Full PDB file with SEQRES, HELIX, SHEET, SSBOND, CRYST1, ORIGX, SCALE, CONECT and MASTER records, all heavy atoms in Angstrom:
SEQRES   1 A   32  HIS ASP ASP PRO HIS GLU LEU LEU ARG SER PRO ASP VAL          
SEQRES   2 A   32  VAL ALA LYS ILE GLU ARG GLU VAL MET GLY LYS LEU ARG          
SEQRES   3 A   32  ASP LEU ALA ASN TYR GLN                                      
HELIX    1 AA1 PRO A    4  LEU A    7  1                                   4    
HELIX    2 AA2 PRO A   11  GLY A   23  1                                  13    
CRYST1    1.000    1.000    1.000  90.00  90.00  90.00 P 1           1          
ORIGX1      1.000000  0.000000  0.000000        0.00000                         
ORIGX2      0.000000  1.000000  0.000000        0.00000                         
ORIGX3      0.000000  0.000000  1.000000        0.00000                         
SCALE1      1.000000  0.000000  0.000000        0.00000                         
SCALE2      0.000000  1.000000  0.000000        0.00000                         
SCALE3      0.000000  0.000000  1.000000        0.00000                         
ATOM      1  N   HIS A   1     -18.624 127.771-105.709  1.00  0.00           N  
ATOM      2  CA  HIS A   1     -18.568 128.922-106.539  1.00  0.00           C  
ATOM      3  C   HIS A   1     -19.299 130.178-106.050  1.00  0.00           C  
ATOM      4  O   HIS A   1     -19.446 131.165-106.714  1.00  0.00           O  
ATOM      5  CB  HIS A   1     -19.034 128.632-107.988  1.00  0.00           C  
ATOM      6  CG  HIS A   1     -20.458 128.219-108.056  1.00  0.00           C  
ATOM      7  ND1 HIS A   1     -20.919 127.011-107.816  1.00  0.00           N  
ATOM      8  CD2 HIS A   1     -21.655 128.950-108.205  1.00  0.00           C  
ATOM      9  CE1 HIS A   1     -22.225 126.838-107.867  1.00  0.00           C  
ATOM     10  NE2 HIS A   1     -22.632 128.013-108.153  1.00  0.00           N  
ATOM     11  N   ASP A   2     -19.930 130.086-104.694  1.00  0.00           N  
ATOM     12  CA  ASP A   2     -20.631 131.189-104.224  1.00  0.00           C  
ATOM     13  C   ASP A   2     -19.825 132.267-103.686  1.00  0.00           C  
ATOM     14  O   ASP A   2     -20.382 133.382-103.492  1.00  0.00           O  
ATOM     15  CB  ASP A   2     -21.725 130.655-103.266  1.00  0.00           C  
ATOM     16  CG  ASP A   2     -21.054 129.763-102.120  1.00  0.00           C  
ATOM     17  OD1 ASP A   2     -19.917 129.345-102.368  1.00  0.00           O  
ATOM     18  OD2 ASP A   2     -21.698 129.590-101.094  1.00  0.00           O  
ATOM     19  N   ASP A   3     -18.616 132.032-103.380  1.00  0.00           N  
ATOM     20  CA  ASP A   3     -17.696 133.006-102.576  1.00  0.00           C  
ATOM     21  C   ASP A   3     -16.675 133.397-103.677  1.00  0.00           C  
ATOM     22  O   ASP A   3     -15.796 132.537-103.737  1.00  0.00           O  
ATOM     23  CB  ASP A   3     -17.159 132.509-101.371  1.00  0.00           C  
ATOM     24  CG  ASP A   3     -16.292 133.554-100.633  1.00  0.00           C  
ATOM     25  OD1 ASP A   3     -15.878 134.594-101.343  1.00  0.00           O  
ATOM     26  OD2 ASP A   3     -15.954 133.314 -99.439  1.00  0.00           O  
ATOM     27  N   PRO A   4     -16.697 134.556-104.289  1.00  0.00           N  
ATOM     28  CA  PRO A   4     -15.762 134.895-105.222  1.00  0.00           C  
ATOM     29  C   PRO A   4     -14.282 134.933-104.735  1.00  0.00           C  
ATOM     30  O   PRO A   4     -13.215 134.569-105.374  1.00  0.00           O  
ATOM     31  CB  PRO A   4     -16.184 136.279-105.670  1.00  0.00           C  
ATOM     32  CG  PRO A   4     -17.545 136.427-105.536  1.00  0.00           C  
ATOM     33  CD  PRO A   4     -17.738 135.636-104.236  1.00  0.00           C  
ATOM     34  N   HIS A   5     -14.127 135.336-103.419  1.00  0.00           N  
ATOM     35  CA  HIS A   5     -12.829 135.420-102.801  1.00  0.00           C  
ATOM     36  C   HIS A   5     -12.217 133.979-102.803  1.00  0.00           C  
ATOM     37  O   HIS A   5     -10.977 133.797-103.105  1.00  0.00           O  
ATOM     38  CB  HIS A   5     -12.955 135.903-101.457  1.00  0.00           C  
ATOM     39  CG  HIS A   5     -11.665 136.095-100.709  1.00  0.00           C  
ATOM     40  ND1 HIS A   5     -10.795 137.045-100.870  1.00  0.00           N  
ATOM     41  CD2 HIS A   5     -11.164 135.311 -99.728  1.00  0.00           C  
ATOM     42  CE1 HIS A   5      -9.736 136.829-100.046  1.00  0.00           C  
ATOM     43  NE2 HIS A   5      -9.878 135.833 -99.316  1.00  0.00           N  
ATOM     44  N   GLU A   6     -12.981 133.027-102.331  1.00  0.00           N  
ATOM     45  CA  GLU A   6     -12.456 131.671-102.233  1.00  0.00           C  
ATOM     46  C   GLU A   6     -12.279 131.096-103.647  1.00  0.00           C  
ATOM     47  O   GLU A   6     -11.375 130.345-103.820  1.00  0.00           O  
ATOM     48  CB  GLU A   6     -13.511 130.802-101.448  1.00  0.00           C  
ATOM     49  CG  GLU A   6     -13.533 131.175 -99.972  1.00  0.00           C  
ATOM     50  CD  GLU A   6     -12.162 130.939 -99.277  1.00  0.00           C  
ATOM     51  OE1 GLU A   6     -11.501 129.949 -99.612  1.00  0.00           O  
ATOM     52  OE2 GLU A   6     -11.810 131.678 -98.350  1.00  0.00           O  
ATOM     53  N   LEU A   7     -13.251 131.481-104.491  1.00  0.00           N  
ATOM     54  CA  LEU A   7     -13.228 130.810-105.819  1.00  0.00           C  
ATOM     55  C   LEU A   7     -11.921 131.143-106.641  1.00  0.00           C  
ATOM     56  O   LEU A   7     -11.311 130.226-107.142  1.00  0.00           O  
ATOM     57  CB  LEU A   7     -14.469 131.364-106.657  1.00  0.00           C  
ATOM     58  CG  LEU A   7     -14.550 130.905-108.177  1.00  0.00           C  
ATOM     59  CD1 LEU A   7     -14.901 129.336-108.148  1.00  0.00           C  
ATOM     60  CD2 LEU A   7     -15.652 131.694-108.890  1.00  0.00           C  
ATOM     61  N   LEU A   8     -11.547 132.453-106.486  1.00  0.00           N  
ATOM     62  CA  LEU A   8     -10.180 132.870-107.259  1.00  0.00           C  
ATOM     63  C   LEU A   8      -8.993 132.377-106.620  1.00  0.00           C  
ATOM     64  O   LEU A   8      -7.909 132.520-107.110  1.00  0.00           O  
ATOM     65  CB  LEU A   8     -10.242 134.357-107.368  1.00  0.00           C  
ATOM     66  CG  LEU A   8     -11.395 134.899-108.254  1.00  0.00           C  
ATOM     67  CD1 LEU A   8     -11.319 136.420-108.395  1.00  0.00           C  
ATOM     68  CD2 LEU A   8     -11.501 134.304-109.646  1.00  0.00           C  
ATOM     69  N   ARG A   9      -9.096 131.703-105.400  1.00  0.00           N  
ATOM     70  CA  ARG A   9      -7.928 131.188-104.772  1.00  0.00           C  
ATOM     71  C   ARG A   9      -7.922 129.655-104.917  1.00  0.00           C  
ATOM     72  O   ARG A   9      -6.922 128.949-104.491  1.00  0.00           O  
ATOM     73  CB  ARG A   9      -7.944 131.482-103.262  1.00  0.00           C  
ATOM     74  CG  ARG A   9      -7.320 132.864-103.100  1.00  0.00           C  
ATOM     75  CD  ARG A   9      -7.654 133.413-101.756  1.00  0.00           C  
ATOM     76  NE  ARG A   9      -6.902 134.788-101.572  1.00  0.00           N  
ATOM     77  CZ  ARG A   9      -7.177 135.834-102.289  1.00  0.00           C  
ATOM     78  NH1 ARG A   9      -8.132 135.842-103.167  1.00  0.00           N  
ATOM     79  NH2 ARG A   9      -6.556 136.980-102.023  1.00  0.00           N  
ATOM     80  N   SER A  10      -8.963 129.028-105.479  1.00  0.00           N  
ATOM     81  CA  SER A  10      -8.951 127.627-105.725  1.00  0.00           C  
ATOM     82  C   SER A  10      -7.927 127.229-106.780  1.00  0.00           C  
ATOM     83  O   SER A  10      -7.792 127.813-107.779  1.00  0.00           O  
ATOM     84  CB  SER A  10     -10.387 127.213-106.379  1.00  0.00           C  
ATOM     85  OG  SER A  10     -10.330 126.109-107.089  1.00  0.00           O  
ATOM     86  N   PRO A  11      -7.119 126.214-106.460  1.00  0.00           N  
ATOM     87  CA  PRO A  11      -6.166 125.689-107.341  1.00  0.00           C  
ATOM     88  C   PRO A  11      -6.692 125.338-108.693  1.00  0.00           C  
ATOM     89  O   PRO A  11      -5.938 125.617-109.728  1.00  0.00           O  
ATOM     90  CB  PRO A  11      -5.516 124.381-106.511  1.00  0.00           C  
ATOM     91  CG  PRO A  11      -5.863 124.676-105.184  1.00  0.00           C  
ATOM     92  CD  PRO A  11      -7.146 125.448-105.140  1.00  0.00           C  
ATOM     93  N   ASP A  12      -7.844 124.834-108.732  1.00  0.00           N  
ATOM     94  CA  ASP A  12      -8.467 124.361-110.013  1.00  0.00           C  
ATOM     95  C   ASP A  12      -8.683 125.704-110.890  1.00  0.00           C  
ATOM     96  O   ASP A  12      -8.431 125.657-112.147  1.00  0.00           O  
ATOM     97  CB  ASP A  12      -9.881 123.773-109.874  1.00  0.00           C  
ATOM     98  CG  ASP A  12      -9.599 122.286-109.328  1.00  0.00           C  
ATOM     99  OD1 ASP A  12      -8.745 121.615-109.727  1.00  0.00           O  
ATOM    100  OD2 ASP A  12     -10.307 121.985-108.318  1.00  0.00           O  
ATOM    101  N   VAL A  13      -9.097 126.709-110.287  1.00  0.00           N  
ATOM    102  CA  VAL A  13      -9.506 128.015-110.981  1.00  0.00           C  
ATOM    103  C   VAL A  13      -8.184 128.696-111.443  1.00  0.00           C  
ATOM    104  O   VAL A  13      -8.043 129.073-112.559  1.00  0.00           O  
ATOM    105  CB  VAL A  13     -10.327 128.981-110.147  1.00  0.00           C  
ATOM    106  CG1 VAL A  13     -10.346 130.305-110.799  1.00  0.00           C  
ATOM    107  CG2 VAL A  13     -11.802 128.398-110.052  1.00  0.00           C  
ATOM    108  N   VAL A  14      -7.164 128.763-110.496  1.00  0.00           N  
ATOM    109  CA  VAL A  14      -5.850 129.251-110.887  1.00  0.00           C  
ATOM    110  C   VAL A  14      -5.255 128.589-112.056  1.00  0.00           C  
ATOM    111  O   VAL A  14      -4.825 129.333-112.936  1.00  0.00           O  
ATOM    112  CB  VAL A  14      -4.945 129.238-109.568  1.00  0.00           C  
ATOM    113  CG1 VAL A  14      -3.625 129.700-110.013  1.00  0.00           C  
ATOM    114  CG2 VAL A  14      -5.526 130.169-108.543  1.00  0.00           C  
ATOM    115  N   ALA A  15      -5.322 127.297-112.041  1.00  0.00           N  
ATOM    116  CA  ALA A  15      -4.652 126.484-113.103  1.00  0.00           C  
ATOM    117  C   ALA A  15      -5.509 126.783-114.512  1.00  0.00           C  
ATOM    118  O   ALA A  15      -4.949 126.835-115.519  1.00  0.00           O  
ATOM    119  CB  ALA A  15      -4.810 125.021-112.776  1.00  0.00           C  
ATOM    120  N   LYS A  16      -6.893 126.901-114.328  1.00  0.00           N  
ATOM    121  CA  LYS A  16      -7.757 127.167-115.568  1.00  0.00           C  
ATOM    122  C   LYS A  16      -7.283 128.503-116.169  1.00  0.00           C  
ATOM    123  O   LYS A  16      -7.148 128.599-117.377  1.00  0.00           O  
ATOM    124  CB  LYS A  16      -9.175 127.098-115.197  1.00  0.00           C  
ATOM    125  CG  LYS A  16     -10.150 127.655-116.276  1.00  0.00           C  
ATOM    126  CD  LYS A  16     -10.007 126.720-117.438  1.00  0.00           C  
ATOM    127  CE  LYS A  16     -11.108 127.193-118.480  1.00  0.00           C  
ATOM    128  NZ  LYS A  16     -10.970 126.482-119.807  1.00  0.00           N  
ATOM    129  N   ILE A  17      -7.192 129.503-115.280  1.00  0.00           N  
ATOM    130  CA  ILE A  17      -6.813 130.945-115.842  1.00  0.00           C  
ATOM    131  C   ILE A  17      -5.461 130.849-116.447  1.00  0.00           C  
ATOM    132  O   ILE A  17      -5.154 131.449-117.523  1.00  0.00           O  
ATOM    133  CB  ILE A  17      -6.891 131.949-114.622  1.00  0.00           C  
ATOM    134  CG1 ILE A  17      -8.297 132.031-114.136  1.00  0.00           C  
ATOM    135  CG2 ILE A  17      -6.473 133.268-115.294  1.00  0.00           C  
ATOM    136  CD1 ILE A  17      -9.345 132.561-115.066  1.00  0.00           C  
ATOM    137  N   GLU A  18      -4.477 130.128-115.797  1.00  0.00           N  
ATOM    138  CA  GLU A  18      -3.180 130.054-116.361  1.00  0.00           C  
ATOM    139  C   GLU A  18      -3.183 129.401-117.728  1.00  0.00           C  
ATOM    140  O   GLU A  18      -2.512 129.761-118.621  1.00  0.00           O  
ATOM    141  CB  GLU A  18      -2.253 129.323-115.310  1.00  0.00           C  
ATOM    142  CG  GLU A  18      -1.842 130.161-114.112  1.00  0.00           C  
ATOM    143  CD  GLU A  18      -1.036 129.372-113.111  1.00  0.00           C  
ATOM    144  OE1 GLU A  18      -0.761 128.164-113.324  1.00  0.00           O  
ATOM    145  OE2 GLU A  18      -0.461 130.059-112.199  1.00  0.00           O  
ATOM    146  N   ARG A  19      -4.004 128.303-117.882  1.00  0.00           N  
ATOM    147  CA  ARG A  19      -4.110 127.574-119.096  1.00  0.00           C  
ATOM    148  C   ARG A  19      -4.675 128.507-120.262  1.00  0.00           C  
ATOM    149  O   ARG A  19      -4.203 128.623-121.280  1.00  0.00           O  
ATOM    150  CB  ARG A  19      -4.970 126.300-118.964  1.00  0.00           C  
ATOM    151  CG  ARG A  19      -4.301 125.251-118.242  1.00  0.00           C  
ATOM    152  CD  ARG A  19      -5.109 123.815-118.519  1.00  0.00           C  
ATOM    153  NE  ARG A  19      -6.527 123.926-118.183  1.00  0.00           N  
ATOM    154  CZ  ARG A  19      -6.967 123.655-116.964  1.00  0.00           C  
ATOM    155  NH1 ARG A  19      -6.154 123.370-115.983  1.00  0.00           N  
ATOM    156  NH2 ARG A  19      -8.182 123.753-116.711  1.00  0.00           N  
ATOM    157  N   GLU A  20      -5.596 129.333-119.844  1.00  0.00           N  
ATOM    158  CA  GLU A  20      -6.378 130.249-120.680  1.00  0.00           C  
ATOM    159  C   GLU A  20      -5.250 131.336-121.248  1.00  0.00           C  
ATOM    160  O   GLU A  20      -5.192 131.677-122.470  1.00  0.00           O  
ATOM    161  CB  GLU A  20      -7.424 130.951-120.149  1.00  0.00           C  
ATOM    162  CG  GLU A  20      -8.720 130.147-119.940  1.00  0.00           C  
ATOM    163  CD  GLU A  20      -9.540 129.984-121.355  1.00  0.00           C  
ATOM    164  OE1 GLU A  20      -9.496 130.941-122.074  1.00  0.00           O  
ATOM    165  OE2 GLU A  20      -9.884 128.970-121.510  1.00  0.00           O  
ATOM    166  N   VAL A  21      -4.534 131.854-120.236  1.00  0.00           N  
ATOM    167  CA  VAL A  21      -3.602 132.911-120.587  1.00  0.00           C  
ATOM    168  C   VAL A  21      -2.508 132.444-121.442  1.00  0.00           C  
ATOM    169  O   VAL A  21      -2.102 132.776-122.489  1.00  0.00           O  
ATOM    170  CB  VAL A  21      -3.002 133.470-119.378  1.00  0.00           C  
ATOM    171  CG1 VAL A  21      -1.800 134.459-119.629  1.00  0.00           C  
ATOM    172  CG2 VAL A  21      -4.017 134.298-118.604  1.00  0.00           C  
ATOM    173  N   MET A  22      -1.911 131.159-121.048  1.00  0.00           N  
ATOM    174  CA  MET A  22      -0.742 130.687-121.816  1.00  0.00           C  
ATOM    175  C   MET A  22      -1.144 130.134-123.176  1.00  0.00           C  
ATOM    176  O   MET A  22      -0.406 130.127-124.136  1.00  0.00           O  
ATOM    177  CB  MET A  22      -0.022 129.576-120.982  1.00  0.00           C  
ATOM    178  CG  MET A  22       0.496 130.088-119.678  1.00  0.00           C  
ATOM    179  SD  MET A  22       1.298 131.620-119.661  1.00  0.00           S  
ATOM    180  CE  MET A  22       2.935 131.018-120.006  1.00  0.00           C  
ATOM    181  N   GLY A  23      -2.471 129.618-123.232  1.00  0.00           N  
ATOM    182  CA  GLY A  23      -2.901 129.066-124.507  1.00  0.00           C  
ATOM    183  C   GLY A  23      -3.101 130.202-125.612  1.00  0.00           C  
ATOM    184  O   GLY A  23      -2.807 129.973-126.774  1.00  0.00           O  
ATOM    185  N   LYS A  24      -3.322 131.466-125.122  1.00  0.00           N  
ATOM    186  CA  LYS A  24      -3.439 132.540-126.172  1.00  0.00           C  
ATOM    187  C   LYS A  24      -2.024 133.060-126.501  1.00  0.00           C  
ATOM    188  O   LYS A  24      -1.981 133.775-127.511  1.00  0.00           O  
ATOM    189  CB  LYS A  24      -4.148 133.821-125.504  1.00  0.00           C  
ATOM    190  CG  LYS A  24      -5.558 133.449-124.980  1.00  0.00           C  
ATOM    191  CD  LYS A  24      -6.507 133.295-126.234  1.00  0.00           C  
ATOM    192  CE  LYS A  24      -7.940 132.890-125.721  1.00  0.00           C  
ATOM    193  NZ  LYS A  24      -8.756 132.477-126.817  1.00  0.00           N  
ATOM    194  N   LEU A  25      -0.995 132.689-125.806  1.00  0.00           N  
ATOM    195  CA  LEU A  25       0.369 133.217-126.056  1.00  0.00           C  
ATOM    196  C   LEU A  25       1.336 132.134-126.482  1.00  0.00           C  
ATOM    197  O   LEU A  25       2.576 132.419-126.465  1.00  0.00           O  
ATOM    198  CB  LEU A  25       0.902 133.908-124.704  1.00  0.00           C  
ATOM    199  CG  LEU A  25       0.058 135.015-124.106  1.00  0.00           C  
ATOM    200  CD1 LEU A  25       0.653 135.447-122.804  1.00  0.00           C  
ATOM    201  CD2 LEU A  25      -0.275 136.146-125.130  1.00  0.00           C  
ATOM    202  N   ARG A  26       0.879 131.053-126.872  1.00  0.00           N  
ATOM    203  CA  ARG A  26       1.796 129.847-127.086  1.00  0.00           C  
ATOM    204  C   ARG A  26       2.784 130.152-128.232  1.00  0.00           C  
ATOM    205  O   ARG A  26       3.929 129.406-128.187  1.00  0.00           O  
ATOM    206  CB  ARG A  26       1.118 128.526-127.404  1.00  0.00           C  
ATOM    207  CG  ARG A  26       0.212 128.638-128.621  1.00  0.00           C  
ATOM    208  CD  ARG A  26      -0.350 127.174-128.934  1.00  0.00           C  
ATOM    209  NE  ARG A  26      -1.339 126.718-128.001  1.00  0.00           N  
ATOM    210  CZ  ARG A  26      -2.651 126.740-128.074  1.00  0.00           C  
ATOM    211  NH1 ARG A  26      -3.180 127.383-129.170  1.00  0.00           N  
ATOM    212  NH2 ARG A  26      -3.332 126.451-127.060  1.00  0.00           N  
ATOM    213  N   ASP A  27       2.602 130.993-129.086  1.00  0.00           N  
ATOM    214  CA  ASP A  27       3.576 131.177-130.222  1.00  0.00           C  
ATOM    215  C   ASP A  27       4.427 132.350-130.013  1.00  0.00           C  
ATOM    216  O   ASP A  27       5.279 132.806-130.825  1.00  0.00           O  
ATOM    217  CB  ASP A  27       2.854 131.325-131.589  1.00  0.00           C  
ATOM    218  CG  ASP A  27       1.939 132.468-131.615  1.00  0.00           C  
ATOM    219  OD1 ASP A  27       1.581 132.948-130.505  1.00  0.00           O  
ATOM    220  OD2 ASP A  27       1.570 132.921-132.749  1.00  0.00           O  
ATOM    221  N   LEU A  28       4.532 132.931-128.744  1.00  0.00           N  
ATOM    222  CA  LEU A  28       5.354 134.005-128.359  1.00  0.00           C  
ATOM    223  C   LEU A  28       6.824 133.495-128.272  1.00  0.00           C  
ATOM    224  O   LEU A  28       7.084 132.400-127.911  1.00  0.00           O  
ATOM    225  CB  LEU A  28       4.993 134.702-127.078  1.00  0.00           C  
ATOM    226  CG  LEU A  28       3.695 135.585-127.163  1.00  0.00           C  
ATOM    227  CD1 LEU A  28       3.450 136.244-125.801  1.00  0.00           C  
ATOM    228  CD2 LEU A  28       3.701 136.616-128.148  1.00  0.00           C  
ATOM    229  N   ALA A  29       7.772 134.439-128.365  1.00  0.00           N  
ATOM    230  CA  ALA A  29       9.174 134.091-128.061  1.00  0.00           C  
ATOM    231  C   ALA A  29       9.221 133.899-126.470  1.00  0.00           C  
ATOM    232  O   ALA A  29       8.461 134.353-125.727  1.00  0.00           O  
ATOM    233  CB  ALA A  29      10.144 135.196-128.537  1.00  0.00           C  
ATOM    234  N   ASN A  30      10.229 132.959-126.140  1.00  0.00           N  
ATOM    235  CA  ASN A  30      10.460 132.703-124.707  1.00  0.00           C  
ATOM    236  C   ASN A  30      10.445 133.851-123.853  1.00  0.00           C  
ATOM    237  O   ASN A  30       9.905 134.002-122.721  1.00  0.00           O  
ATOM    238  CB  ASN A  30      11.607 131.656-124.540  1.00  0.00           C  
ATOM    239  CG  ASN A  30      11.705 131.279-123.098  1.00  0.00           C  
ATOM    240  OD1 ASN A  30      10.650 130.641-122.576  1.00  0.00           O  
ATOM    241  ND2 ASN A  30      12.767 131.506-122.477  1.00  0.00           N  
ATOM    242  N   TYR A  31      11.342 134.935-124.220  1.00  0.00           N  
ATOM    243  CA  TYR A  31      11.520 136.023-123.426  1.00  0.00           C  
ATOM    244  C   TYR A  31      10.308 136.900-123.277  1.00  0.00           C  
ATOM    245  O   TYR A  31      10.166 137.705-122.391  1.00  0.00           O  
ATOM    246  CB  TYR A  31      12.753 136.895-123.948  1.00  0.00           C  
ATOM    247  CG  TYR A  31      12.391 137.605-125.222  1.00  0.00           C  
ATOM    248  CD1 TYR A  31      11.891 138.875-125.196  1.00  0.00           C  
ATOM    249  CD2 TYR A  31      12.756 137.051-126.553  1.00  0.00           C  
ATOM    250  CE1 TYR A  31      11.641 139.602-126.386  1.00  0.00           C  
ATOM    251  CE2 TYR A  31      12.439 137.817-127.679  1.00  0.00           C  
ATOM    252  CZ  TYR A  31      11.932 139.002-127.560  1.00  0.00           C  
ATOM    253  OH  TYR A  31      11.746 139.694-128.711  1.00  0.00           O  
ATOM    254  N   GLN A  32       9.293 136.744-124.113  1.00  0.00           N  
ATOM    255  CA  GLN A  32       7.974 137.621-124.082  1.00  0.00           C  
ATOM    256  C   GLN A  32       6.965 136.857-123.170  1.00  0.00           C  
ATOM    257  O   GLN A  32       5.986 137.572-122.920  1.00  0.00           O  
ATOM    258  CB  GLN A  32       7.371 137.709-125.454  1.00  0.00           C  
ATOM    259  CG  GLN A  32       8.320 138.512-126.493  1.00  0.00           C  
ATOM    260  CD  GLN A  32       7.714 138.526-127.848  1.00  0.00           C  
ATOM    261  OE1 GLN A  32       7.405 137.363-128.558  1.00  0.00           O  
ATOM    262  NE2 GLN A  32       7.590 139.554-128.369  1.00  0.00           N  
TER     263      GLN A  32                                                      
MASTER        0    0    0    2    0    0    0    6  262    1    0    3          
END                                                                             
């Protein structure tokens, strides 16, 4: 976690951010 550039490209981090985003939007219509 010491290099922000590498950190934000880590598959684990990318997956975590995607889960966070999609979790906040789970009740939206599919097209949104």
